[in-house]
């Protein structure tokens, strides 16, 4: 995935959550797990969980862009959400299994997704 921060080794990765695991649908998530990672070293520098904004068209992609997210690891999402995320410069990895956010980020950094 390309990063909006082309000259920076740090990436911001978000995993939409439902009950602590990957949400099946992006719009149905209740929380967002955000990881700041060092891409070259493949290490997590910081992790936080935030309440997801209300499900309104365009609101979540806008919020993720404001947070500086580079990559979204997701289950499923609508075409509009995907297009808005990609237009904002975020990479999108979809159709992932319902694992914990830390597992998904490790697999992403390890090139397994």
N, C-alpha and C. Protein backbone atom coordinates (compact mmCIF):
# COMPACT_ATOMS: atom_id res chain seq x y z
N UNK A 1 0.83 -1.18 0.00
CA UNK A 1 0.00 0.00 0.00
C UNK A 1 0.87 1.24 0.00
N UNK A 2 0.46 2.20 -0.74
CA UNK A 2 1.15 3.48 -0.75
C UNK A 2 0.71 4.29 0.45
N UNK A 3 1.59 5.03 1.02
CA UNK A 3 1.30 5.89 2.15
C UNK A 3 1.20 7.34 1.69
N UNK A 4 0.36 8.11 2.37
CA UNK A 4 0.32 9.55 2.09
C UNK A 4 1.60 10.20 2.54
N UNK A 5 2.35 9.55 3.42
CA UNK A 5 3.62 10.07 3.92
C UNK A 5 4.76 9.35 3.22
N UNK A 6 4.96 9.66 1.99
CA UNK A 6 5.91 8.95 1.14
C UNK A 6 7.33 8.92 1.72
N UNK A 7 7.75 9.96 2.42
CA UNK A 7 9.12 10.03 2.92
C UNK A 7 9.21 9.73 4.41
N UNK A 8 8.21 9.06 4.94
CA UNK A 8 8.17 8.79 6.37
C UNK A 8 7.96 7.30 6.58
N UNK A 9 8.71 6.73 7.50
CA UNK A 9 8.58 5.30 7.78
C UNK A 9 7.40 4.99 8.69
N UNK A 10 6.76 6.02 9.23
CA UNK A 10 5.63 5.79 10.12
C UNK A 10 4.34 5.72 9.32
N UNK A 11 3.51 4.75 9.67
CA UNK A 11 2.19 4.61 9.06
C UNK A 11 1.15 4.62 10.15
N UNK A 12 -0.02 5.12 9.82
CA UNK A 12 -1.17 5.02 10.71
C UNK A 12 -2.12 4.01 10.07
N UNK A 13 -2.42 2.96 10.84
CA UNK A 13 -3.30 1.89 10.37
C UNK A 13 -4.53 1.87 11.27
N UNK A 14 -5.71 1.76 10.66
CA UNK A 14 -6.94 1.68 11.45
C UNK A 14 -7.62 0.34 11.19
N UNK A 15 -8.19 -0.21 12.27
CA UNK A 15 -8.98 -1.43 12.20
C UNK A 15 -10.34 -1.10 12.83
N UNK A 16 -11.43 -1.13 12.03
CA UNK A 16 -12.75 -0.88 12.60
C UNK A 16 -13.19 -2.09 13.44
N UNK A 17 -13.69 -1.82 14.64
CA UNK A 17 -14.00 -2.90 15.58
C UNK A 17 -15.48 -3.00 15.91
N UNK A 18 -15.86 -4.22 16.21
CA UNK A 18 -17.16 -4.53 16.79
C UNK A 18 -16.90 -5.60 17.84
N UNK A 19 -17.15 -5.27 19.09
CA UNK A 19 -16.90 -6.19 20.20
C UNK A 19 -15.43 -6.62 20.27
N UNK A 20 -14.51 -5.71 20.00
CA UNK A 20 -13.08 -5.97 20.15
C UNK A 20 -12.41 -6.70 19.00
N UNK A 21 -13.17 -7.08 17.99
CA UNK A 21 -12.61 -7.76 16.83
C UNK A 21 -12.99 -6.98 15.57
N UNK A 22 -12.36 -7.35 14.48
CA UNK A 22 -12.65 -6.69 13.21
C UNK A 22 -14.15 -6.70 12.94
N UNK A 23 -14.69 -5.54 12.66
CA UNK A 23 -16.11 -5.42 12.33
C UNK A 23 -16.35 -6.00 10.94
N UNK A 24 -17.40 -6.79 10.80
CA UNK A 24 -17.72 -7.38 9.50
C UNK A 24 -17.99 -6.28 8.47
N UNK A 25 -18.68 -5.22 8.89
CA UNK A 25 -18.99 -4.10 8.01
C UNK A 25 -18.39 -2.82 8.58
N UNK A 26 -17.73 -2.06 7.74
CA UNK A 26 -17.12 -0.80 8.18
C UNK A 26 -18.15 0.11 8.85
N UNK A 27 -19.32 0.24 8.24
CA UNK A 27 -20.35 1.13 8.77
C UNK A 27 -20.98 0.66 10.06
N UNK A 28 -20.74 -0.60 10.44
CA UNK A 28 -21.34 -1.16 11.67
C UNK A 28 -20.36 -1.15 12.84
N UNK A 29 -19.18 -0.59 12.65
CA UNK A 29 -18.20 -0.61 13.74
C UNK A 29 -18.62 0.33 14.87
N UNK A 30 -18.21 -0.04 16.09
CA UNK A 30 -18.49 0.83 17.23
C UNK A 30 -17.23 1.49 17.77
N UNK A 31 -16.06 0.97 17.36
CA UNK A 31 -14.79 1.56 17.77
C UNK A 31 -13.79 1.48 16.63
N UNK A 32 -12.73 2.27 16.76
CA UNK A 32 -11.63 2.28 15.79
C UNK A 32 -10.33 2.04 16.54
N UNK A 33 -9.63 0.97 16.20
CA UNK A 33 -8.30 0.74 16.76
C UNK A 33 -7.31 1.39 15.82
N UNK A 34 -6.51 2.31 16.33
CA UNK A 34 -5.55 3.03 15.50
C UNK A 34 -4.15 2.68 15.98
N UNK A 35 -3.33 2.27 15.03
CA UNK A 35 -1.96 1.87 15.31
C UNK A 35 -1.01 2.78 14.55
N UNK A 36 -0.04 3.35 15.25
CA UNK A 36 1.06 4.02 14.58
C UNK A 36 2.18 3.01 14.54
N UNK A 37 2.68 2.73 13.34
CA UNK A 37 3.70 1.69 13.19
C UNK A 37 4.91 2.23 12.46
N UNK A 38 6.04 1.62 12.74
CA UNK A 38 7.26 1.89 11.98
C UNK A 38 7.32 0.81 10.91
N UNK A 39 7.04 1.20 9.68
CA UNK A 39 6.89 0.24 8.60
C UNK A 39 8.17 -0.54 8.31
N UNK A 40 9.29 0.14 8.32
CA UNK A 40 10.55 -0.53 7.99
C UNK A 40 10.94 -1.54 9.07
N UNK A 41 10.78 -1.15 10.33
CA UNK A 41 11.13 -2.04 11.44
C UNK A 41 10.01 -3.01 11.78
N UNK A 42 8.83 -2.77 11.21
CA UNK A 42 7.65 -3.62 11.45
C UNK A 42 7.30 -3.70 12.93
N UNK A 43 7.30 -2.54 13.58
CA UNK A 43 6.97 -2.49 14.99
C UNK A 43 5.85 -1.50 15.24
N UNK A 44 5.03 -1.81 16.24
CA UNK A 44 3.96 -0.91 16.65
C UNK A 44 4.54 0.09 17.64
N UNK A 45 4.36 1.36 17.34
CA UNK A 45 4.87 2.43 18.20
C UNK A 45 3.82 2.90 19.20
N UNK A 46 2.57 2.86 18.78
CA UNK A 46 1.50 3.39 19.60
C UNK A 46 0.19 2.75 19.16
N UNK A 47 -0.69 2.50 20.10
CA UNK A 47 -2.00 1.94 19.81
C UNK A 47 -3.04 2.65 20.65
N UNK A 48 -4.17 2.99 20.04
CA UNK A 48 -5.26 3.61 20.78
C UNK A 48 -6.59 3.13 20.21
N UNK A 49 -7.63 3.22 21.01
CA UNK A 49 -8.97 2.85 20.58
C UNK A 49 -9.87 4.07 20.78
N UNK A 50 -10.66 4.36 19.75
CA UNK A 50 -11.54 5.52 19.76
C UNK A 50 -12.97 5.09 19.45
N UNK A 51 -13.92 5.82 19.95
CA UNK A 51 -15.32 5.59 19.60
C UNK A 51 -15.51 5.97 18.13
N UNK A 52 -16.22 5.14 17.40
CA UNK A 52 -16.47 5.42 15.99
C UNK A 52 -17.53 6.53 15.87
N UNK A 53 -17.41 7.35 14.83
CA UNK A 53 -18.44 8.37 14.62
C UNK A 53 -19.74 7.70 14.18
N UNK A 54 -20.85 8.42 14.23
CA UNK A 54 -22.12 7.86 13.77
C UNK A 54 -22.03 7.43 12.31
N UNK A 55 -22.83 6.43 11.94
CA UNK A 55 -22.82 5.94 10.57
C UNK A 55 -23.63 6.89 9.69
N UNK A 56 -22.90 7.79 9.03
CA UNK A 56 -23.48 8.73 8.07
C UNK A 56 -22.58 8.71 6.85
N UNK A 57 -23.14 8.74 5.65
CA UNK A 57 -22.32 8.69 4.44
C UNK A 57 -21.20 9.73 4.45
N UNK A 58 -19.98 9.27 4.27
CA UNK A 58 -18.82 10.14 4.16
C UNK A 58 -18.19 10.56 5.48
N UNK A 59 -18.87 10.35 6.60
CA UNK A 59 -18.36 10.83 7.88
C UNK A 59 -17.12 10.06 8.34
N UNK A 60 -17.16 8.74 8.29
CA UNK A 60 -16.01 7.95 8.75
C UNK A 60 -14.77 8.18 7.87
N UNK A 61 -14.89 8.15 6.54
CA UNK A 61 -13.70 8.45 5.73
C UNK A 61 -13.10 9.82 6.03
N UNK A 62 -13.95 10.81 6.25
CA UNK A 62 -13.47 12.15 6.57
C UNK A 62 -12.74 12.15 7.91
N UNK A 63 -13.30 11.47 8.90
CA UNK A 63 -12.67 11.41 10.23
C UNK A 63 -11.33 10.70 10.17
N UNK A 64 -11.25 9.59 9.42
CA UNK A 64 -9.99 8.86 9.30
C UNK A 64 -8.93 9.71 8.61
N UNK A 65 -9.34 10.47 7.62
CA UNK A 65 -8.41 11.37 6.94
C UNK A 65 -7.88 12.42 7.92
N UNK A 66 -8.76 12.98 8.75
CA UNK A 66 -8.35 13.97 9.75
C UNK A 66 -7.35 13.39 10.75
N UNK A 67 -7.51 12.11 11.07
CA UNK A 67 -6.62 11.44 12.01
C UNK A 67 -5.27 11.08 11.39
N UNK A 68 -5.16 11.22 10.07
CA UNK A 68 -3.90 10.91 9.39
C UNK A 68 -3.72 9.44 9.06
N UNK A 69 -4.81 8.71 8.95
CA UNK A 69 -4.75 7.29 8.66
C UNK A 69 -4.23 7.06 7.24
N UNK A 70 -3.32 6.08 7.11
CA UNK A 70 -2.76 5.71 5.81
C UNK A 70 -3.39 4.45 5.25
N UNK A 71 -3.73 3.51 6.13
CA UNK A 71 -4.23 2.20 5.69
C UNK A 71 -5.42 1.80 6.54
N UNK A 72 -6.45 1.27 5.89
CA UNK A 72 -7.63 0.75 6.57
C UNK A 72 -7.67 -0.76 6.35
N UNK A 73 -7.67 -1.52 7.44
CA UNK A 73 -7.80 -2.98 7.38
C UNK A 73 -9.25 -3.28 7.72
N UNK A 74 -10.00 -3.84 6.78
CA UNK A 74 -11.45 -3.95 6.94
C UNK A 74 -12.00 -5.31 6.55
N UNK A 75 -13.22 -5.54 7.00
CA UNK A 75 -13.98 -6.69 6.55
C UNK A 75 -14.60 -6.32 5.22
N UNK A 76 -15.80 -5.78 5.27
CA UNK A 76 -16.49 -5.33 4.07
C UNK A 76 -16.85 -3.86 4.22
N UNK A 77 -17.08 -3.22 3.08
CA UNK A 77 -17.54 -1.83 3.09
C UNK A 77 -18.21 -1.53 1.76
N UNK A 78 -19.01 -0.49 1.77
CA UNK A 78 -19.70 -0.09 0.55
C UNK A 78 -18.75 0.57 -0.44
N UNK A 79 -19.21 0.64 -1.68
CA UNK A 79 -18.39 1.22 -2.75
C UNK A 79 -18.07 2.69 -2.48
N UNK A 80 -19.05 3.44 -1.95
CA UNK A 80 -18.81 4.86 -1.68
C UNK A 80 -17.73 5.03 -0.62
N UNK A 81 -17.81 4.26 0.46
CA UNK A 81 -16.80 4.38 1.52
C UNK A 81 -15.42 4.06 0.97
N UNK A 82 -15.32 3.00 0.20
CA UNK A 82 -14.01 2.63 -0.36
C UNK A 82 -13.48 3.74 -1.27
N UNK A 83 -14.34 4.26 -2.12
CA UNK A 83 -13.91 5.32 -3.04
C UNK A 83 -13.46 6.56 -2.27
N UNK A 84 -14.19 6.94 -1.23
CA UNK A 84 -13.82 8.11 -0.44
C UNK A 84 -12.49 7.90 0.29
N UNK A 85 -12.29 6.71 0.83
CA UNK A 85 -11.02 6.41 1.51
C UNK A 85 -9.85 6.49 0.53
N UNK A 86 -10.03 5.87 -0.62
CA UNK A 86 -8.95 5.87 -1.62
C UNK A 86 -8.70 7.26 -2.19
N UNK A 87 -9.76 8.03 -2.39
CA UNK A 87 -9.59 9.41 -2.88
C UNK A 87 -8.83 10.27 -1.87
N UNK A 88 -8.96 9.94 -0.60
CA UNK A 88 -8.26 10.67 0.45
C UNK A 88 -6.83 10.16 0.62
N UNK A 89 -6.43 9.19 -0.20
CA UNK A 89 -5.05 8.71 -0.18
C UNK A 89 -4.80 7.53 0.75
N UNK A 90 -5.87 6.93 1.25
CA UNK A 90 -5.71 5.79 2.15
C UNK A 90 -5.74 4.48 1.37
N UNK A 91 -4.86 3.56 1.76
CA UNK A 91 -4.91 2.23 1.21
C UNK A 91 -6.00 1.43 1.92
N UNK A 92 -6.64 0.53 1.21
CA UNK A 92 -7.72 -0.27 1.77
C UNK A 92 -7.42 -1.74 1.53
N UNK A 93 -7.45 -2.53 2.61
CA UNK A 93 -7.33 -3.98 2.52
C UNK A 93 -8.63 -4.53 3.06
N UNK A 94 -9.36 -5.29 2.22
CA UNK A 94 -10.70 -5.76 2.59
C UNK A 94 -10.79 -7.27 2.65
N UNK A 95 -11.96 -7.71 3.08
CA UNK A 95 -12.31 -9.13 3.16
C UNK A 95 -11.41 -9.89 4.12
N UNK A 96 -11.07 -9.25 5.22
CA UNK A 96 -10.20 -9.86 6.21
C UNK A 96 -11.03 -10.66 7.22
N UNK A 97 -10.43 -11.67 7.84
CA UNK A 97 -11.16 -12.48 8.83
C UNK A 97 -11.30 -11.72 10.15
N UNK A 98 -12.28 -12.11 10.97
CA UNK A 98 -12.55 -11.40 12.23
C UNK A 98 -11.54 -11.74 13.34
N UNK A 99 -10.36 -11.19 13.21
CA UNK A 99 -9.30 -11.40 14.19
C UNK A 99 -9.16 -10.15 15.05
N UNK A 100 -8.28 -10.23 16.04
CA UNK A 100 -8.03 -9.05 16.86
C UNK A 100 -7.27 -8.02 16.01
N UNK A 101 -7.38 -6.75 16.37
CA UNK A 101 -6.66 -5.73 15.61
C UNK A 101 -5.15 -5.95 15.61
N UNK A 102 -4.58 -6.35 16.75
CA UNK A 102 -3.13 -6.56 16.81
C UNK A 102 -2.70 -7.68 15.86
N UNK A 103 -3.49 -8.74 15.77
CA UNK A 103 -3.16 -9.83 14.84
C UNK A 103 -3.17 -9.33 13.40
N UNK A 104 -4.18 -8.56 13.05
CA UNK A 104 -4.29 -8.05 11.68
C UNK A 104 -3.14 -7.12 11.34
N UNK A 105 -2.77 -6.25 12.26
CA UNK A 105 -1.66 -5.33 12.00
C UNK A 105 -0.36 -6.11 11.85
N UNK A 106 -0.13 -7.10 12.70
CA UNK A 106 1.09 -7.94 12.57
C UNK A 106 1.13 -8.62 11.20
N UNK A 107 0.00 -9.18 10.79
CA UNK A 107 -0.05 -9.85 9.48
C UNK A 107 0.14 -8.86 8.34
N UNK A 108 -0.42 -7.66 8.46
CA UNK A 108 -0.21 -6.64 7.43
C UNK A 108 1.27 -6.27 7.34
N UNK A 109 1.90 -6.01 8.47
CA UNK A 109 3.31 -5.63 8.47
C UNK A 109 4.20 -6.78 7.98
N UNK A 110 3.77 -8.01 8.21
CA UNK A 110 4.53 -9.17 7.76
C UNK A 110 4.24 -9.54 6.31
N UNK A 111 3.39 -8.78 5.62
CA UNK A 111 3.09 -9.05 4.22
C UNK A 111 2.18 -10.24 4.03
N UNK A 112 1.44 -10.62 5.06
CA UNK A 112 0.59 -11.80 4.99
C UNK A 112 -0.84 -11.49 4.55
N UNK A 113 -1.20 -10.23 4.45
CA UNK A 113 -2.57 -9.88 4.04
C UNK A 113 -2.63 -9.50 2.59
